[in-house]
Amino acid sequence: MSAETSEPTGKFELDKIAENCSALAERPPKTFWEAVQAIWFLFVVLQMESNASSFSPGRMDEFLIDFYRRDIENKTLTQETALEILECLWLKFNQIVYMRNRNSAKFFAGFPIGFNIAIGGQDSEGNDYANEISFLCLKAQEHLLLPQPNLSVRLHEKTGDKLLKEAIKVVAKGSGMPQFFNDKAIIPALEELGIETHDAHDYAIVGCVELTTQGNNLGWSDAAMFNLNKALELALNGGKCLLTGKQLAPNYGDLTTYEKYSDLEKVLRRYIDEFMDKMIRACEEVEKAHIDLLPTPFLSAVIDNCMENGIDVTTGGAKYNLSGVQMIQVANLADSLAAIRQMVYDEKIVSRAELLDALRKNFEGYEILRARLLNKVPKYGNDVEWVDAIGVKWARYFCERIGTYTNYRGGRYHTGMYTVSAHVPMGENVGASPDGRLAGQPLADGGMSPVYGRDVTGPTAVLKSVSKLDKELTTNGGLLNMKFLPEFFKTETGIDKFARFLRTFVDLEIPHIQFNVVRKENLLAAKVHPEEYRSLTVRVAGYTAYFTELAEELQDEIIARTAYDDI
């Protein structure tokens, strides 16, 4: 290409690319430009081998900073050129589209690839690690506003105001990035899981929000998603599906037979146990299939311990061999159980038979009852202690029980609370629920988030509710989605308030938070005139996607999320 180019700058760049590629065929990178080129080669080869999503660069500001500083000191690189090189990498990350079948695309809408880059955080001594590369990554996202890579900022008590406010200004641009992770919550939770202290301090993020150690882990973070609300539906309806009438599980009774609220809880627990056992058996078969049919020698070559032990990463060669299962969705479960407990057992406003009939009829003829369930019972996300405690109780039960299993590679199962976009199709498979939700409607959008529109007492109340979920419940990753209006970020006062909000997020030891900054009017207009909004990006779950490429059901759910104009 260089031989066919006469323009001097273009010719120089093509010659340099050729020189970099030739050098990397023989030796490790020596310059910043070579190091970035090496990153891209790594991910191209990984995609060729596995055709897989969510390979992630990790803490790029950690492993690029020495190359950058050396080149700057030698005057062979400028900050502007370094930024351009990073932005070229950003563009390359957007050239890979992971093909999915129709069913899979509903659970991973917008085709997220999950090239997650983490910046900031702390070093092994607890000192702030932000550096020049951290700010260049933020600037690249500010300039391009593309959905890949999935940019994440690690926060902690010593995070400087400069990094925090620069990150907030990028959030205000409306691309849904960066998202924020909390070292104060995550590091001790990973240590409790059995991760060594050094590795826990050096954690990064995979794909959407999944937590990982770097270069020594096969986390299998999307091992399964468990629909807690379907288990409740079966407990209420004698093991029968409300949508089809099919008997999906043994009949241990229905709502009319439970004399006490605790009787319902016993049956719910029994269904969770039985379906968890089935899920684990399915996970084992998937792992066996990967060992037999899809070994990954190149991936194994870049994961610690595999080469030393002569064991492929799919067979358990990594230092850490985890399997992550998502609990779907605790917010809906808490709201439904709160409604049953208050309306049926405590206040006896509605009989057990009447509520079950209303659920079977999708609230047809029971519109007044549905309105009372929606509006007269407090909901998760509003800092109501007894309602939040219901969600904590069942999340803790699920986490503790799944922790008793060992996966096929000899590692631990642990839990996460995120959905990608699965809250929409999983909601389609759940009948009417006692919280007033109609059959087929989406579940809550983020694993830790309230049901959209039910967080009516403000964003700080949401933080308080979410903070009650033990950080050990989300060692596979937790997701809190929030939406703010663009006007909030127009002044320095707004930026300062948002910075204090994020400092509170750290203090409350919530593992994750992310933001959509968009007006409802723009989203509605994009549905009507998609050709005029092709570049509009939104935060779906733990990732950003083009709004006009999403299915209508998911678009409507994003529009319905609560939007805040103040804190």
Protein backbone atom coordinates (compact mmCIF):
# COMPACT_ATOMS: atom_id res chain seq x y z
CA MET A 1 0.00 0.00 0.00
CA SER A 2 2.87 2.35 0.75
CA ALA A 3 4.33 1.84 -2.73
CA GLU A 4 1.07 3.01 -4.25
CA THR A 5 0.84 6.10 -2.00
CA SER A 6 2.45 9.43 -2.80
CA GLU A 7 1.03 11.52 0.05
CA PRO A 8 3.94 11.87 2.54
CA THR A 9 2.06 11.47 5.83
CA GLY A 10 0.07 8.50 4.63
CA LYS A 11 3.20 6.88 3.19
CA PHE A 12 5.06 7.33 6.48
CA GLU A 13 2.21 5.76 8.47
CA LEU A 14 1.94 2.75 6.12
CA ASP A 15 5.71 2.22 6.24
CA LYS A 16 5.55 2.38 10.04
CA ILE A 17 2.70 -0.15 10.21
CA ALA A 18 4.66 -2.53 7.97
CA GLU A 19 7.74 -2.06 10.13
CA ASN A 20 5.76 -2.68 13.34
CA CYS A 21 4.15 -5.85 12.00
CA SER A 22 7.47 -7.21 10.75
CA ALA A 23 9.10 -6.53 14.11
CA LEU A 24 6.29 -8.20 16.08
CA ALA A 25 6.75 -11.39 14.06
CA GLU A 26 10.22 -11.68 15.62
CA ARG A 27 10.09 -10.11 19.10
CA PRO A 28 7.93 -8.50 21.80
CA PRO A 29 6.91 -4.86 21.29
CA LYS A 30 9.37 -2.12 22.19
CA THR A 31 7.36 1.04 21.39
CA PHE A 32 3.90 2.30 22.24
CA TRP A 33 2.71 1.91 18.65
CA GLU A 34 4.04 -1.66 18.50
CA ALA A 35 2.37 -2.48 21.81
CA VAL A 36 -1.02 -1.30 20.56
CA GLN A 37 -0.51 -3.25 17.32
CA ALA A 38 0.32 -6.35 19.39
CA ILE A 39 -2.94 -5.95 21.32
CA TRP A 40 -4.89 -5.94 18.08
CA PHE A 41 -3.07 -9.01 16.73
CA LEU A 42 -3.85 -10.86 19.97
CA PHE A 43 -7.57 -10.21 19.66
CA VAL A 44 -7.71 -11.02 15.96
CA VAL A 45 -6.12 -14.43 16.59
CA LEU A 46 -8.40 -15.09 19.59
CA GLN A 47 -11.44 -14.33 17.43
CA MET A 48 -10.14 -16.59 14.65
CA GLU A 49 -9.71 -19.47 17.10
CA SER A 50 -12.88 -19.19 19.13
CA ASN A 51 -15.40 -16.92 17.34
CA ALA A 52 -16.26 -15.76 20.83
CA SER A 53 -17.42 -12.58 22.51
CA SER A 54 -16.01 -10.82 25.56
CA PHE A 55 -12.27 -11.25 25.15
CA SER A 56 -11.12 -8.15 26.98
CA PRO A 57 -7.87 -6.12 27.10
CA GLY A 58 -8.26 -5.45 30.84
CA ARG A 59 -6.20 -2.72 32.54
CA MET A 60 -4.71 -1.14 29.46
CA ASP A 61 -3.38 1.86 31.37
CA GLU A 62 -1.37 -0.60 33.45
CA PHE A 63 0.47 -2.40 30.65
CA LEU A 64 0.82 0.47 28.13
CA ILE A 65 2.10 3.20 30.42
CA ASP A 66 5.80 2.20 30.37
CA PHE A 67 5.83 2.11 26.54
CA TYR A 68 4.15 5.52 26.45
CA ARG A 69 6.45 7.21 28.95
CA ARG A 70 9.59 5.79 27.34
CA ASP A 71 8.57 7.05 23.90
CA ILE A 72 7.55 10.46 25.26
CA GLU A 73 10.88 10.77 27.05
CA ASN A 74 12.75 9.75 23.88
CA LYS A 75 10.70 12.28 21.89
CA THR A 76 9.60 9.55 19.45
CA LEU A 77 5.94 9.98 20.40
CA THR A 78 3.63 12.87 21.18
CA GLN A 79 0.47 12.82 23.22
CA GLU A 80 -1.54 13.66 20.09
CA THR A 81 -0.08 10.74 18.13
CA ALA A 82 -0.65 8.36 21.04
CA LEU A 83 -4.29 9.43 21.17
CA GLU A 84 -4.67 8.88 17.42
CA ILE A 85 -3.19 5.38 17.71
CA LEU A 86 -5.61 4.52 20.54
CA GLU A 87 -8.53 5.89 18.56
CA CYS A 88 -7.51 3.68 15.62
CA LEU A 89 -7.66 0.69 18.00
CA TRP A 90 -11.14 1.85 19.10
CA LEU A 91 -12.22 1.83 15.43
CA LYS A 92 -10.80 -1.67 14.90
CA PHE A 93 -12.73 -2.99 17.92
CA ASN A 94 -15.91 -1.83 16.19
CA GLN A 95 -15.13 -3.80 13.03
CA ILE A 96 -15.81 -7.19 14.63
CA VAL A 97 -19.45 -8.26 14.82
CA TYR A 98 -20.18 -11.50 16.63
CA MET A 99 -22.87 -13.33 14.67
CA ARG A 100 -25.73 -14.79 16.70
CA ASN A 101 -28.83 -16.74 15.80
CA ARG A 102 -32.23 -15.13 16.23
CA ASN A 103 -32.86 -16.54 19.70
CA SER A 104 -29.42 -15.64 21.02
CA ALA A 105 -29.73 -12.12 19.58
CA LYS A 106 -32.76 -11.50 21.82
CA PHE A 107 -30.67 -12.26 24.92
CA PHE A 108 -27.66 -10.27 23.63
CA ALA A 109 -29.40 -7.49 21.69
CA GLY A 110 -27.28 -4.96 19.84
CA PHE A 111 -24.55 -7.56 19.26
CA PRO A 112 -22.24 -6.62 22.16
CA ILE A 113 -18.70 -7.88 21.60
CA GLY A 114 -17.48 -6.98 25.06
CA PHE A 115 -13.95 -5.69 24.50
CA ASN A 116 -13.81 -4.31 28.03
CA ILE A 117 -11.02 -1.89 28.93
CA ALA A 118 -10.55 -0.99 32.61
CA ILE A 119 -8.75 2.16 33.71
CA GLY A 120 -7.97 3.73 37.07
CA GLY A 121 -8.31 1.78 40.28
CA GLN A 122 -5.45 1.12 42.65
CA ASP A 123 -2.18 -0.76 42.75
CA SER A 124 -1.30 -3.62 45.09
CA GLU A 125 -0.47 -1.12 47.84
CA GLY A 126 -3.84 0.63 47.62
CA ASN A 127 -2.48 3.75 45.91
CA ASP A 128 -4.34 5.44 43.07
CA TYR A 129 -3.17 4.04 39.72
CA ALA A 130 -4.62 6.54 37.24
CA ASN A 131 -2.04 7.73 34.72
CA GLU A 132 -1.67 9.39 31.31
CA ILE A 133 -3.14 6.39 29.46
CA SER A 134 -6.25 6.52 31.66
CA PHE A 135 -6.99 10.04 30.43
CA LEU A 136 -6.18 9.19 26.80
CA CYS A 137 -8.72 6.34 26.92
CA LEU A 138 -11.36 8.73 28.22
CA LYS A 139 -10.49 11.23 25.48
CA ALA A 140 -10.77 8.52 22.80
CA GLN A 141 -14.27 7.64 24.00
CA GLU A 142 -15.24 11.32 24.18
CA HIS A 143 -14.14 11.85 20.58
CA LEU A 144 -15.64 8.73 18.99
CA LEU A 145 -18.68 7.80 21.16
CA LEU A 146 -18.72 4.29 19.69
CA PRO A 147 -20.18 1.22 21.44
CA GLN A 148 -16.83 -0.60 21.54
CA PRO A 149 -14.64 -0.97 23.49
CA ASN A 150 -16.69 -1.16 26.68
CA LEU A 151 -14.84 1.42 28.77
CA SER A 152 -14.83 0.96 32.55
CA VAL A 153 -13.41 3.14 35.32
CA ARG A 154 -12.36 1.62 38.64
CA LEU A 155 -13.11 3.93 41.58
CA HIS A 156 -11.91 3.82 45.19
CA GLU A 157 -11.58 6.13 48.18
CA LYS A 158 -8.37 7.70 46.83
CA THR A 159 -9.53 8.28 43.25
CA GLY A 160 -8.50 11.81 42.29
CA ASP A 161 -11.00 14.51 41.40
CA LYS A 162 -9.37 15.00 38.01
CA LEU A 163 -10.04 11.45 36.77
CA LEU A 164 -13.49 11.37 38.34
CA LYS A 165 -14.64 14.63 36.75
CA GLU A 166 -13.12 13.83 33.36
CA ALA A 167 -15.01 10.52 33.41
CA ILE A 168 -18.25 12.30 34.33
CA LYS A 169 -17.83 14.72 31.42
CA VAL A 170 -17.53 11.74 29.08
CA VAL A 171 -20.64 10.17 30.63
CA ALA A 172 -22.46 13.45 29.93
CA LYS A 173 -21.79 13.00 26.19
CA GLY A 174 -24.44 10.26 26.20
CA SER A 175 -22.63 7.14 24.93
CA GLY A 176 -23.37 5.24 28.14
CA MET A 177 -19.67 5.13 28.95
CA PRO A 178 -17.65 4.89 30.98
CA GLN A 179 -19.28 2.64 33.54
CA PHE A 180 -17.92 2.57 37.10
CA PHE A 181 -16.67 -0.24 39.35
CA ASN A 182 -15.98 0.03 43.06
CA ASP A 183 -12.69 -1.33 44.41
CA LYS A 184 -13.95 -0.94 47.97
CA ALA A 185 -16.68 -3.52 47.29
CA ILE A 186 -15.05 -5.75 44.70
CA ILE A 187 -11.56 -6.45 46.06
CA PRO A 188 -12.67 -7.91 49.44
CA ALA A 189 -15.47 -9.85 47.75
CA LEU A 190 -13.00 -11.47 45.35
CA GLU A 191 -10.69 -12.31 48.24
CA GLU A 192 -13.63 -13.94 50.03
CA LEU A 193 -14.18 -16.01 46.88
CA GLY A 194 -10.64 -17.38 47.18
CA ILE A 195 -8.78 -15.01 44.85
CA GLU A 196 -5.27 -14.16 46.05
CA THR A 197 -4.83 -10.59 47.29
CA HIS A 198 -2.48 -9.54 44.47
CA ASP A 199 -4.86 -10.85 41.81
CA ALA A 200 -7.89 -9.30 43.53
CA HIS A 201 -6.23 -5.87 43.55
CA ASP A 202 -5.42 -6.30 39.85
CA TYR A 203 -8.95 -7.28 38.80
CA ALA A 204 -10.37 -6.28 35.43
CA ILE A 205 -13.74 -6.65 33.72
CA VAL A 206 -14.89 -9.08 31.04
CA GLY A 207 -17.56 -8.26 28.48
CA CYS A 208 -20.30 -6.34 30.23
CA VAL A 209 -19.70 -6.25 33.99
CA GLU A 210 -18.15 -9.63 34.78
CA LEU A 211 -15.26 -9.48 37.22
CA THR A 212 -12.04 -11.32 36.47
CA THR A 213 -8.42 -11.69 37.39
CA GLN A 214 -6.02 -10.93 34.54
CA GLY A 215 -4.35 -13.56 32.39
CA ASN A 216 -4.89 -16.54 34.69
CA ASN A 217 -8.61 -17.25 34.74
CA LEU A 218 -11.28 -19.06 32.77
CA GLY A 219 -14.25 -17.42 34.44
CA TRP A 220 -17.08 -18.89 32.30
CA SER A 221 -19.02 -15.86 33.45
CA ASP A 222 -22.14 -16.57 31.38
CA ALA A 223 -22.47 -20.17 32.48
CA ALA A 224 -26.25 -19.77 32.97
CA MET A 225 -29.08 -17.41 33.83
CA PHE A 226 -31.59 -18.56 36.44
CA ASN A 227 -35.08 -17.04 36.28
CA LEU A 228 -36.11 -16.71 39.92
CA ASN A 229 -39.46 -15.28 38.91
CA LYS A 230 -40.41 -18.36 36.92
CA ALA A 231 -39.70 -20.42 40.03
CA LEU A 232 -42.10 -18.18 41.97
CA GLU A 233 -44.72 -18.57 39.24
CA LEU A 234 -44.55 -22.36 39.54
CA ALA A 235 -44.77 -22.15 43.32
CA LEU A 236 -47.93 -20.05 43.04
CA ASN A 237 -49.56 -22.21 40.35
CA GLY A 238 -48.86 -25.79 41.41
CA GLY A 239 -45.90 -26.28 39.08
CA LYS A 240 -47.86 -25.19 36.01
CA CYS A 241 -46.84 -22.51 33.53
CA LEU A 242 -49.27 -19.59 33.59
CA LEU A 243 -48.71 -18.97 29.90
CA THR A 244 -49.21 -22.46 28.49
CA GLY A 245 -50.88 -24.42 31.27
CA LYS A 246 -48.21 -27.12 30.96
CA GLN A 247 -47.03 -28.95 34.06
CA LEU A 248 -43.36 -27.95 34.21
CA ALA A 249 -42.58 -29.25 37.70
CA PRO A 250 -44.11 -31.43 40.44
CA ASN A 251 -47.20 -30.02 42.17
CA TYR A 252 -46.33 -29.13 45.75
CA GLY A 253 -49.43 -26.98 46.19
CA ASP A 254 -50.50 -23.56 44.95
CA LEU A 255 -51.20 -20.19 46.54
CA THR A 256 -54.62 -21.32 47.78
CA THR A 257 -53.07 -24.14 49.82
CA TYR A 258 -50.45 -22.08 51.67
CA GLU A 259 -51.92 -21.16 55.02
CA LYS A 260 -48.88 -19.10 55.96
CA TYR A 261 -46.45 -16.96 54.01
CA SER A 262 -43.68 -19.26 55.20
CA ASP A 263 -45.43 -22.18 53.46
CA LEU A 264 -45.04 -20.38 50.14
CA GLU A 265 -41.38 -19.72 50.89
CA LYS A 266 -40.75 -23.42 51.54
CA VAL A 267 -42.16 -24.41 48.16
CA LEU A 268 -40.30 -21.61 46.36
CA ARG A 269 -37.09 -22.82 47.94
CA ARG A 270 -37.86 -26.36 46.82
CA TYR A 271 -38.34 -25.30 43.19
CA ILE A 272 -35.14 -23.25 43.23
CA ASP A 273 -33.24 -26.26 44.55
CA GLU A 274 -34.62 -28.66 41.96
CA PHE A 275 -34.08 -26.40 38.98
CA MET A 276 -30.63 -25.43 40.22
CA ASP A 277 -29.69 -29.12 40.23
CA LYS A 278 -30.89 -29.43 36.63
CA MET A 279 -29.03 -26.29 35.62
CA ILE A 280 -25.77 -27.58 37.07
CA ARG A 281 -26.09 -30.85 35.14
CA ALA A 282 -26.62 -28.86 31.93
CA CYS A 283 -23.58 -26.69 32.67
CA GLU A 284 -21.46 -29.79 33.12
CA GLU A 285 -22.53 -31.14 29.72
CA VAL A 286 -21.60 -27.84 28.08
CA GLU A 287 -18.16 -27.90 29.71
CA LYS A 288 -17.62 -31.51 28.60
CA ALA A 289 -18.52 -30.55 25.04
CA HIS A 290 -15.95 -27.75 25.04
CA ILE A 291 -13.27 -30.12 26.31
CA ASP A 292 -14.10 -32.73 23.67
CA LEU A 293 -14.89 -30.52 20.70
CA LEU A 294 -13.56 -26.99 21.24
CA PRO A 295 -10.13 -26.96 22.89
CA THR A 296 -8.39 -23.58 22.55
CA PRO A 297 -4.60 -23.99 22.29
CA PHE A 298 -3.87 -20.34 21.45
CA LEU A 299 -5.99 -19.03 24.32
CA SER A 300 -4.29 -21.57 26.58
CA ALA A 301 -0.91 -20.18 25.50
CA VAL A 302 -1.78 -16.75 26.91
CA ILE A 303 -3.39 -17.95 30.18
CA ASP A 304 -1.03 -18.64 33.10
CA ASN A 305 -0.45 -22.25 34.23
CA CYS A 306 -1.84 -23.91 31.08
CA MET A 307 1.48 -24.28 29.26
CA GLU A 308 3.34 -25.12 32.46
CA ASN A 309 0.87 -27.89 33.32
CA GLY A 310 0.23 -29.04 29.75
CA ILE A 311 -3.52 -28.64 30.26
CA ASP A 312 -5.87 -26.79 27.91
CA VAL A 313 -7.78 -23.93 29.49
CA THR A 314 -11.11 -25.66 28.75
CA THR A 315 -9.94 -28.68 30.78
CA GLY A 316 -9.02 -26.70 33.87
CA GLY A 317 -5.52 -25.50 33.05
CA ALA A 318 -5.95 -21.96 34.38
CA LYS A 319 -5.01 -20.82 37.87
CA TYR A 320 -8.67 -19.96 38.55
CA ASN A 321 -11.56 -22.00 37.12
CA LEU A 322 -14.84 -20.30 37.98
CA SER A 323 -18.38 -20.54 36.64
CA GLY A 324 -20.71 -17.58 37.00
CA VAL A 325 -24.51 -17.84 37.15
CA GLN A 326 -26.85 -14.86 36.99
CA MET A 327 -29.84 -14.48 39.34
CA ILE A 328 -32.74 -13.06 37.26
CA GLN A 329 -34.32 -10.75 38.65
CA VAL A 330 -34.23 -10.05 42.39
CA ALA A 331 -36.13 -6.75 42.06
CA ASN A 332 -39.20 -8.41 40.55
CA LEU A 333 -39.02 -11.24 43.06
CA ALA A 334 -38.83 -8.84 46.01
CA ASP A 335 -41.74 -6.76 44.69
CA SER A 336 -43.91 -9.83 44.11
CA LEU A 337 -43.23 -11.42 47.48
CA ALA A 338 -43.76 -8.08 49.21
CA ALA A 339 -47.17 -7.77 47.52
CA ILE A 340 -48.18 -11.27 48.60
CA ARG A 341 -46.96 -10.80 52.14
CA GLN A 342 -48.68 -7.44 52.63
CA MET A 343 -51.88 -7.80 50.62
CA VAL A 344 -52.65 -11.49 51.24
CA TYR A 345 -51.14 -12.53 54.58
CA ASP A 346 -50.64 -9.37 56.66
CA GLU A 347 -53.51 -7.06 55.70
CA LYS A 348 -55.74 -9.74 54.11
CA ILE A 349 -56.98 -7.25 51.51
CA VAL A 350 -57.18 -9.95 48.84
CA SER A 351 -57.74 -13.67 49.29
CA ARG A 352 -55.27 -16.26 48.09
CA ALA A 353 -57.82 -17.64 45.63
CA GLU A 354 -58.63 -14.20 44.24
CA LEU A 355 -55.00 -13.29 43.62
CA LEU A 356 -54.25 -16.62 41.96
CA ASP A 357 -57.29 -16.22 39.70
CA ALA A 358 -56.14 -12.72 38.78
CA LEU A 359 -52.72 -14.05 37.81
CA ARG A 360 -54.23 -16.85 35.72
CA LYS A 361 -56.42 -14.31 33.88
CA ASN A 362 -53.55 -11.81 33.42
CA PHE A 363 -55.53 -9.34 35.57
CA GLU A 364 -58.44 -9.20 33.12
CA GLY A 365 -61.39 -8.20 35.26
CA TYR A 366 -58.99 -7.45 38.12
CA GLU A 367 -57.78 -4.01 37.01
CA ILE A 368 -58.45 -2.39 40.40
CA LEU A 369 -56.52 -5.14 42.19
CA ARG A 370 -53.62 -4.70 39.78
CA ALA A 371 -53.57 -0.96 40.44
CA ARG A 372 -53.42 -1.59 44.17
CA LEU A 373 -50.61 -4.11 43.78
CA LEU A 374 -48.65 -1.61 41.71
CA ASN A 375 -49.28 1.47 43.82
CA LYS A 376 -50.15 0.48 47.38
CA VAL A 377 -47.28 -1.90 48.11
CA PRO A 378 -43.77 -0.40 48.51
CA LYS A 379 -41.21 -1.51 45.95
CA TYR A 380 -37.52 -2.43 45.94
CA GLY A 381 -35.34 0.57 45.10
CA ASN A 382 -36.97 3.08 47.46
CA ASP A 383 -34.97 2.32 50.62
CA VAL A 384 -37.85 0.44 52.26
CA GLU A 385 -36.10 -1.89 54.67
CA TRP A 386 -38.51 -4.84 54.75
CA VAL A 387 -38.96 -4.95 50.97
CA ASP A 388 -35.23 -4.73 50.26
CA ALA A 389 -34.64 -7.45 52.86
CA ILE A 390 -36.79 -9.87 50.85
CA GLY A 391 -34.55 -9.45 47.82
CA VAL A 392 -31.41 -9.82 49.94
CA LYS A 393 -32.76 -12.98 51.56
CA TRP A 394 -33.41 -14.83 48.32
CA ALA A 395 -30.25 -13.62 46.58
CA ARG A 396 -28.23 -14.78 49.57
CA TYR A 397 -29.96 -18.17 49.58
CA PHE A 398 -29.28 -18.68 45.87
CA CYS A 399 -25.65 -17.61 46.23
CA GLU A 400 -24.93 -19.81 49.23
CA ARG A 401 -26.51 -22.90 47.72
CA ILE A 402 -24.81 -22.62 44.34
CA GLY A 403 -21.52 -22.16 46.16
CA THR A 404 -21.78 -25.77 47.34
CA TYR A 405 -21.25 -27.08 43.79
CA THR A 406 -17.95 -27.64 41.97
CA ASN A 407 -17.81 -27.16 38.21
CA TYR A 408 -16.44 -29.73 35.77
CA ARG A 409 -13.02 -28.02 35.74
CA GLY A 410 -12.73 -28.33 39.52
CA GLY A 411 -13.55 -24.67 40.27
CA ARG A 412 -16.27 -22.82 42.15
CA TYR A 413 -19.68 -21.65 41.05
CA HIS A 414 -20.50 -18.11 42.08
CA THR A 415 -23.21 -15.59 41.33
CA GLY A 416 -23.76 -12.41 39.37
CA MET A 417 -26.67 -10.03 38.96
CA TYR A 418 -26.84 -8.79 35.37
CA THR A 419 -28.96 -9.65 32.34
CA VAL A 420 -27.33 -8.36 29.15
CA SER A 421 -30.71 -7.94 27.36
CA ALA A 422 -32.18 -11.21 28.65
CA HIS A 423 -34.64 -9.39 30.93
CA VAL A 424 -36.86 -8.87 27.87
CA PRO A 425 -37.09 -12.45 26.48
CA MET A 426 -37.03 -13.95 29.99
CA GLY A 427 -39.94 -11.68 30.85
CA GLU A 428 -41.76 -13.01 27.80
CA ASN A 429 -41.62 -16.46 29.43
CA VAL A 430 -43.12 -15.36 32.75
CA GLY A 431 -46.85 -14.98 33.29
CA ALA A 432 -48.54 -12.22 35.26
CA SER A 433 -46.85 -11.65 38.60
CA PRO A 434 -48.11 -10.48 42.01
CA ASP A 435 -46.29 -7.15 41.74
CA GLY A 436 -48.82 -6.12 39.08
CA ARG A 437 -46.63 -6.91 36.09
CA LEU A 438 -48.58 -8.26 33.10
CA ALA A 439 -47.71 -11.54 31.40
CA GLY A 440 -44.81 -11.26 28.99
CA GLN A 441 -43.65 -7.83 30.10
CA PRO A 442 -39.89 -7.30 30.63
CA LEU A 443 -38.28 -7.95 33.98
CA ALA A 444 -36.06 -5.34 35.68
CA ASP A 445 -33.33 -4.14 33.32
CA GLY A 446 -30.24 -4.53 35.53
CA GLY A 447 -29.52 -7.32 37.94
CA MET A 448 -29.38 -4.95 40.93
CA SER A 449 -31.66 -2.26 39.46
CA PRO A 450 -35.25 -1.60 40.55
CA VAL A 451 -38.04 -2.42 38.12
CA TYR A 452 -38.20 0.47 35.64
CA GLY A 453 -40.46 3.28 36.83
CA ARG A 454 -40.84 1.97 40.37
CA ASP A 455 -37.92 3.87 41.91
CA VAL A 456 -40.03 6.89 42.85
CA THR A 457 -38.05 8.37 45.77
CA GLY A 458 -34.93 9.41 43.90
CA PRO A 459 -31.47 8.14 42.97
CA THR A 460 -30.01 8.20 46.48
CA ALA A 461 -32.80 5.90 47.69
CA VAL A 462 -31.86 3.52 44.87
CA LEU A 463 -28.26 3.50 46.10
CA LYS A 464 -29.40 2.76 49.65
CA SER A 465 -31.55 -0.19 48.51
CA VAL A 466 -28.85 -1.66 46.30
CA SER A 467 -26.22 -1.27 49.03
CA LYS A 468 -28.11 -3.83 51.13
CA LEU A 469 -27.23 -6.56 48.63
CA ASP A 470 -24.06 -8.13 50.05
CA LYS A 471 -21.07 -7.55 47.79
CA GLU A 472 -20.34 -11.29 47.97
CA LEU A 473 -23.53 -11.85 45.92
CA THR A 474 -22.00 -10.32 42.80
CA THR A 475 -18.47 -11.67 42.51
CA ASN A 476 -19.39 -12.64 38.94
CA GLY A 477 -20.55 -9.06 38.34
CA GLY A 478 -23.49 -6.90 39.35
CA LEU A 479 -25.25 -4.24 37.31
CA LEU A 480 -26.98 -1.04 38.41
CA ASN A 481 -28.55 0.99 35.61
CA MET A 482 -29.59 4.63 36.06
CA LYS A 483 -30.76 7.34 33.67
CA PHE A 484 -30.17 11.08 33.95
CA LEU A 485 -31.28 13.97 31.77
CA PRO A 486 -28.52 15.79 29.83
CA GLU A 487 -29.42 19.10 31.48
CA PHE A 488 -28.03 17.87 34.79
CA PHE A 489 -24.46 18.01 33.43
CA LYS A 490 -24.62 21.49 31.87
CA THR A 491 -23.00 23.28 34.84
CA GLU A 492 -19.99 22.72 37.05
CA THR A 493 -22.42 22.53 39.97
CA GLY A 494 -24.07 19.55 38.31
CA ILE A 495 -20.70 17.89 37.68
CA ASP A 496 -19.73 18.44 41.32
CA LYS A 497 -23.00 16.95 42.60
CA PHE A 498 -22.56 13.94 40.36
CA ALA A 499 -19.01 13.48 41.65
CA ARG A 500 -20.31 13.45 45.22
CA PHE A 501 -22.97 10.95 44.14
CA LEU A 502 -20.24 8.63 42.85
CA ARG A 503 -18.21 9.12 46.04
CA THR A 504 -21.30 7.96 47.94
CA PHE A 505 -21.54 4.96 45.59
CA VAL A 506 -18.00 4.04 46.68
CA ASP A 507 -18.73 4.57 50.38
CA LEU A 508 -21.84 2.36 50.21
CA GLU A 509 -19.74 -0.48 48.71
CA ILE A 510 -21.96 -1.02 45.67
CA PRO A 511 -19.91 -2.90 43.06
CA HIS A 512 -21.13 -1.24 39.84
CA ILE A 513 -23.07 1.66 38.39
CA GLN A 514 -23.67 2.99 34.87
CA PHE A 515 -25.72 5.74 33.27
CA ASN A 516 -27.79 6.62 30.26
CA VAL A 517 -27.79 10.35 29.61
CA VAL A 518 -30.58 10.92 27.12
CA ARG A 519 -33.95 12.60 26.70
CA LYS A 520 -37.08 10.50 26.35
CA GLU A 521 -38.17 12.71 23.46
CA ASN A 522 -35.08 11.76 21.45
CA LEU A 523 -35.67 8.06 22.01
CA LEU A 524 -39.30 8.36 20.91
CA ALA A 525 -38.24 10.32 17.82
CA ALA A 526 -35.62 7.66 17.02
CA LYS A 527 -38.35 5.01 16.93
CA VAL A 528 -40.35 7.04 14.41
CA HIS A 529 -37.42 8.28 12.29
CA PRO A 530 -34.58 5.77 12.80
CA GLU A 531 -32.74 7.02 9.72
CA GLU A 532 -32.13 10.32 11.52
CA TYR A 533 -30.73 8.70 14.69
CA ARG A 534 -28.37 6.00 13.40
CA SER A 535 -25.56 7.17 15.68
CA LEU A 536 -27.68 7.33 18.86
CA THR A 537 -26.16 4.95 21.41
CA VAL A 538 -27.70 3.86 24.71
CA ARG A 539 -26.70 1.73 27.64
CA VAL A 540 -28.73 -1.49 27.40
CA ALA A 541 -27.40 -3.49 30.30
CA GLY A 542 -23.65 -3.77 30.86
CA TYR A 543 -22.92 -2.55 27.36
CA THR A 544 -23.68 0.17 24.83
CA ALA A 545 -25.56 -0.41 21.57
CA TYR A 546 -27.10 1.61 18.76
CA PHE A 547 -30.66 2.37 19.81
CA THR A 548 -32.17 1.94 16.35
CA GLU A 549 -30.73 -1.58 16.03
CA LEU A 550 -32.60 -2.85 19.10
CA ALA A 551 -35.89 -4.73 19.02
CA GLU A 552 -38.96 -2.61 19.71
CA GLU A 553 -39.68 -4.34 23.02
CA LEU A 554 -36.22 -3.47 24.30
CA GLN A 555 -36.49 0.09 22.97
CA ASP A 556 -39.74 0.54 24.90
CA GLU A 557 -38.21 -0.81 28.09
CA ILE A 558 -35.29 1.64 27.85
CA ILE A 559 -37.71 4.52 27.25
CA ALA A 560 -39.72 3.50 30.32
CA ARG A 561 -36.74 3.64 32.69
CA THR A 562 -36.88 6.37 35.31
CA ALA A 563 -34.97 9.52 34.34
CA TYR A 564 -33.55 11.84 37.02
CA ASP A 565 -32.89 15.56 36.70
CA ASP A 566 -31.36 16.00 40.15
CA ILE A 567 -29.76 14.14 43.06
